[in-house]
Structures are given as structure tokens and as C-alpha cells.
């Protein structure tokens, strides 16, 4: 199902054909982010790195992230987390396997908007420190 949705998206925007990598992930570059897609039945999973975790006043920024994650209020239903080495913030979203194309495309657009918003929040946080 995910591949069909991505094929329709790629066709609509003239992006060629979506390909699986060796880790069974699809990738798309959108708004300067590498967004990955993976099928994990009964859902599929969208994920991307937002940017580096601010090191100055890190605890303050992590509290902001925790508030954003609460009930998905600041993430559009997604979850902000950290990479394994805790150097990058990530945004992840799970969508139901049986989603229609319009909902998929709108969810992807919202996801990209939240990525952009949190990237700006990182920049803003870093600027307030200097």
C-alpha cells in the first residue's frame, strides 16, 4: 500500500519512481529534509532528522520537546525523539495502513511543516543563547 501511495505522489510531482533501499526504506527529499518511509503493518512509519540537539541549555530545550510531544499537540500527532547517539532530533509519525492518497499527501505536507517549524525552533533556541 505504501509503495502505491508513494508512486502516486512521485508521479504527481514528477519525481520518478520510489525505490526501496537495502534497509527496506523509501526516501524522499522534501523541504531540505530526507524523509524516510517504512511499512510496519498495520501502519506505515514516516521519519526524518530535524536537526542537531542544542547543547546549550539542553534540558530547557528537551522540556519544550516533552511539552510538544504531550498528546501530539506540538507535533501534529507525531513524536519528537533522538537518534541513538542523541546528537539529532527526529520527528516520526505513524499512519494507518489503509489511508487514502489525499489523507496521505496532506499528512506528509503537515509532517514537512512540523519539520520546518522545529528546525526554526532549534535555530531560535541557539540564537537566544548567543
C-alpha atoms as a PDB file:
ATOM      1  CA  UNK A   1       0.000   0.000   0.000  1.00  0.00           C
ATOM      2  CA  UNK A   2       2.783   2.437   0.907  1.00  0.00           C
ATOM      3  CA  UNK A   3       4.546   1.873  -2.399  1.00  0.00           C
ATOM      4  CA  UNK A   4       1.330   2.664  -4.323  1.00  0.00           C
ATOM      5  CA  UNK A   5       0.837   5.888  -2.373  1.00  0.00           C
ATOM      6  CA  UNK A   6       4.429   6.926  -2.987  1.00  0.00           C
ATOM      7  CA  UNK A   7       4.198   6.030  -6.671  1.00  0.00           C
ATOM      8  CA  UNK A   8       1.149   8.279  -6.995  1.00  0.00           C
ATOM      9  CA  UNK A   9       2.942  11.090  -5.125  1.00  0.00           C
ATOM     10  CA  UNK A  10       6.094  10.715  -7.237  1.00  0.00           C
ATOM     11  CA  UNK A  11       4.020  10.688 -10.416  1.00  0.00           C
ATOM     12  CA  UNK A  12       2.056  13.784  -9.383  1.00  0.00           C
ATOM     13  CA  UNK A  13       5.240  15.754  -8.706  1.00  0.00           C
ATOM     14  CA  UNK A  14       7.395  14.258 -11.480  1.00  0.00           C
ATOM     15  CA  UNK A  15       9.888  12.658  -9.105  1.00  0.00           C
ATOM     16  CA  UNK A  16      10.447   9.407 -10.980  1.00  0.00           C
ATOM     17  CA  UNK A  17       9.895   6.092  -9.218  1.00  0.00           C
ATOM     18  CA  UNK A  18      10.234   5.441  -5.472  1.00  0.00           C
ATOM     19  CA  UNK A  19      12.875   2.816  -4.718  1.00  0.00           C
ATOM     20  CA  UNK A  20      13.478   0.692  -1.649  1.00  0.00           C
ATOM     21  CA  UNK A  21      16.959   0.802  -0.159  1.00  0.00           C
ATOM     22  CA  UNK A  22      18.750  -2.167   1.429  1.00  0.00           C
ATOM     23  CA  UNK A  23      17.016  -1.432   4.756  1.00  0.00           C
ATOM     24  CA  UNK A  24      13.568  -1.602   3.089  1.00  0.00           C
ATOM     25  CA  UNK A  25      13.078   2.164   3.403  1.00  0.00           C
ATOM     26  CA  UNK A  26      11.726   4.593   0.835  1.00  0.00           C
ATOM     27  CA  UNK A  27      13.299   8.086   0.789  1.00  0.00           C
ATOM     28  CA  UNK A  28      12.099  11.443  -0.445  1.00  0.00           C
ATOM     29  CA  UNK A  29      13.827  14.830  -0.254  1.00  0.00           C
ATOM     30  CA  UNK A  30      11.301  17.444   0.776  1.00  0.00           C
ATOM     31  CA  UNK A  31      11.919  20.960   2.082  1.00  0.00           C
ATOM     32  CA  UNK A  32      15.591  20.129   2.615  1.00  0.00           C
ATOM     33  CA  UNK A  33      14.836  17.052   4.718  1.00  0.00           C
ATOM     34  CA  UNK A  34      15.456  13.386   3.913  1.00  0.00           C
ATOM     35  CA  UNK A  35      12.141  11.804   4.836  1.00  0.00           C
ATOM     36  CA  UNK A  36      12.023   8.033   5.147  1.00  0.00           C
ATOM     37  CA  UNK A  37       9.024   5.732   4.890  1.00  0.00           C
ATOM     38  CA  UNK A  38       8.726   2.191   6.136  1.00  0.00           C
ATOM     39  CA  UNK A  39       5.861  -0.276   6.181  1.00  0.00           C
ATOM     40  CA  UNK A  40       5.248  -1.749   9.607  1.00  0.00           C
ATOM     41  CA  UNK A  41       1.841  -3.403   9.375  1.00  0.00           C
ATOM     42  CA  UNK A  42      -0.794  -2.422  10.324  1.00  0.00           C
ATOM     43  CA  UNK A  43       0.728   1.030   9.853  1.00  0.00           C
ATOM     44  CA  UNK A  44       3.455   2.742   7.992  1.00  0.00           C
ATOM     45  CA  UNK A  45       6.028   4.971   9.524  1.00  0.00           C
ATOM     46  CA  UNK A  46       7.397   8.352   8.392  1.00  0.00           C
ATOM     47  CA  UNK A  47      10.599   9.692   9.937  1.00  0.00           C
ATOM     48  CA  UNK A  48      13.204  12.418   9.445  1.00  0.00           C
ATOM     49  CA  UNK A  49      16.020  14.147  11.275  1.00  0.00           C
ATOM     50  CA  UNK A  50      15.037  17.666  12.295  1.00  0.00           C
ATOM     51  CA  UNK A  51      18.473  18.928  13.230  1.00  0.00           C
ATOM     52  CA  UNK A  52      21.170  18.734  15.879  1.00  0.00           C
ATOM     53  CA  UNK A  53      20.131  18.693  19.518  1.00  0.00           C
ATOM     54  CA  UNK A  54      21.091  22.050  21.037  1.00  0.00           C
ATOM     55  CA  UNK A  55      23.841  21.565  23.606  1.00  0.00           C
ATOM     56  CA  UNK A  56      23.420  24.889  25.406  1.00  0.00           C
ATOM     57  CA  UNK A  57      20.515  24.816  27.835  1.00  0.00           C
ATOM     58  CA  UNK A  58      19.809  21.313  26.566  1.00  0.00           C
ATOM     59  CA  UNK A  59      17.485  20.437  29.449  1.00  0.00           C
ATOM     60  CA  UNK A  60      15.380  23.538  28.786  1.00  0.00           C
ATOM     61  CA  UNK A  61      15.005  22.589  25.139  1.00  0.00           C
ATOM     62  CA  UNK A  62      14.177  18.970  25.994  1.00  0.00           C
ATOM     63  CA  UNK A  63      11.394  20.216  28.296  1.00  0.00           C
ATOM     64  CA  UNK A  64       9.996  22.163  25.344  1.00  0.00           C
ATOM     65  CA  UNK A  65      10.104  18.955  23.267  1.00  0.00           C
ATOM     66  CA  UNK A  66       8.340  16.990  26.001  1.00  0.00           C
ATOM     67  CA  UNK A  67       5.539  19.572  26.057  1.00  0.00           C
ATOM     68  CA  UNK A  68       5.266  19.371  22.261  1.00  0.00           C
ATOM     69  CA  UNK A  69       5.038  15.577  22.426  1.00  0.00           C
ATOM     70  CA  UNK A  70       2.260  15.658  25.019  1.00  0.00           C
ATOM     71  CA  UNK A  71      -0.794  14.339  23.157  1.00  0.00           C
ATOM     72  CA  UNK A  72       0.950  15.243  19.894  1.00  0.00           C
ATOM     73  CA  UNK A  73      -0.079  18.863  20.344  1.00  0.00           C
ATOM     74  CA  UNK A  74       3.129  20.382  19.002  1.00  0.00           C
ATOM     75  CA  UNK A  75       3.958  17.631  16.541  1.00  0.00           C
ATOM     76  CA  UNK A  76       0.794  17.037  14.542  1.00  0.00           C
ATOM     77  CA  UNK A  77       0.334  13.647  16.140  1.00  0.00           C
ATOM     78  CA  UNK A  78       3.959  12.684  15.626  1.00  0.00           C
ATOM     79  CA  UNK A  79       6.717  12.185  18.157  1.00  0.00           C
ATOM     80  CA  UNK A  80       9.980  14.071  18.518  1.00  0.00           C
ATOM     81  CA  UNK A  81      12.808  11.824  19.656  1.00  0.00           C
ATOM     82  CA  UNK A  82      16.551  11.464  19.479  1.00  0.00           C
ATOM     83  CA  UNK A  83      18.880   9.432  17.297  1.00  0.00           C
ATOM     84  CA  UNK A  84      20.698   6.564  19.014  1.00  0.00           C
ATOM     85  CA  UNK A  85      23.733   8.712  19.781  1.00  0.00           C
ATOM     86  CA  UNK A  86      21.478  11.564  20.989  1.00  0.00           C
ATOM     87  CA  UNK A  87      23.012  14.059  18.573  1.00  0.00           C
ATOM     88  CA  UNK A  88      19.986  14.716  16.341  1.00  0.00           C
ATOM     89  CA  UNK A  89      16.321  15.359  16.985  1.00  0.00           C
ATOM     90  CA  UNK A  90      13.952  13.258  14.902  1.00  0.00           C
ATOM     91  CA  UNK A  91      10.279  13.524  14.055  1.00  0.00           C
ATOM     92  CA  UNK A  92       8.298  10.338  13.485  1.00  0.00           C
ATOM     93  CA  UNK A  93       4.709   9.739  12.506  1.00  0.00           C
ATOM     94  CA  UNK A  94       2.693   6.556  12.189  1.00  0.00           C
ATOM     95  CA  UNK A  95      -0.199   6.434   9.729  1.00  0.00           C
ATOM     96  CA  UNK A  96      -2.767   3.676   9.288  1.00  0.00           C
ATOM     97  CA  UNK A  97      -2.012   1.214   6.522  1.00  0.00           C
ATOM     98  CA  UNK A  98      -5.383   1.808   4.848  1.00  0.00           C
ATOM     99  CA  UNK A  99      -5.086   5.567   4.360  1.00  0.00           C
ATOM    100  CA  UNK A 100      -6.288   7.147   1.111  1.00  0.00           C
ATOM    101  CA  UNK A 101      -4.000   9.190  -1.120  1.00  0.00           C
ATOM    102  CA  UNK A 102      -5.425  12.611  -0.220  1.00  0.00           C
ATOM    103  CA  UNK A 103      -5.022  11.958   3.504  1.00  0.00           C
ATOM    104  CA  UNK A 104      -1.525  10.585   2.888  1.00  0.00           C
ATOM    105  CA  UNK A 105      -0.466  13.655   0.911  1.00  0.00           C
ATOM    106  CA  UNK A 106      -1.964  16.070   3.466  1.00  0.00           C
ATOM    107  CA  UNK A 107      -0.306  14.170   6.330  1.00  0.00           C
ATOM    108  CA  UNK A 108       3.042  14.349   4.536  1.00  0.00           C
ATOM    109  CA  UNK A 109       2.616  18.076   3.978  1.00  0.00           C
ATOM    110  CA  UNK A 110       1.777  18.593   7.667  1.00  0.00           C
ATOM    111  CA  UNK A 111       4.768  16.433   8.622  1.00  0.00           C
ATOM    112  CA  UNK A 112       7.091  18.593   6.489  1.00  0.00           C
ATOM    113  CA  UNK A 113       5.618  21.741   8.033  1.00  0.00           C
ATOM    114  CA  UNK A 114       6.328  20.426  11.548  1.00  0.00           C
ATOM    115  CA  UNK A 115       9.878  19.543  10.498  1.00  0.00           C
ATOM    116  CA  UNK A 116      10.362  23.081   9.263  1.00  0.00           C
ATOM    117  CA  UNK A 117       8.797  24.568  12.417  1.00  0.00           C
ATOM    118  CA  UNK A 118      11.053  22.581  14.759  1.00  0.00           C
ATOM    119  CA  UNK A 119      14.139  23.325  12.657  1.00  0.00           C
ATOM    120  CA  UNK A 120      13.352  27.017  13.167  1.00  0.00           C
ATOM    121  CA  UNK A 121      12.820  26.431  16.899  1.00  0.00           C
ATOM    122  CA  UNK A 122      16.294  24.893  17.138  1.00  0.00           C
ATOM    123  CA  UNK A 123      17.782  27.913  15.342  1.00  0.00           C
ATOM    124  CA  UNK A 124      15.803  30.280  17.569  1.00  0.00           C
ATOM    125  CA  UNK A 125      16.941  28.481  20.714  1.00  0.00           C
ATOM    126  CA  UNK A 126      20.578  28.625  19.610  1.00  0.00           C
ATOM    127  CA  UNK A 127      20.266  32.347  18.754  1.00  0.00           C
ATOM    128  CA  UNK A 128      18.804  33.174  22.188  1.00  0.00           C
ATOM    129  CA  UNK A 129      21.866  31.676  23.855  1.00  0.00           C
ATOM    130  CA  UNK A 130      24.464  33.690  21.970  1.00  0.00           C
END
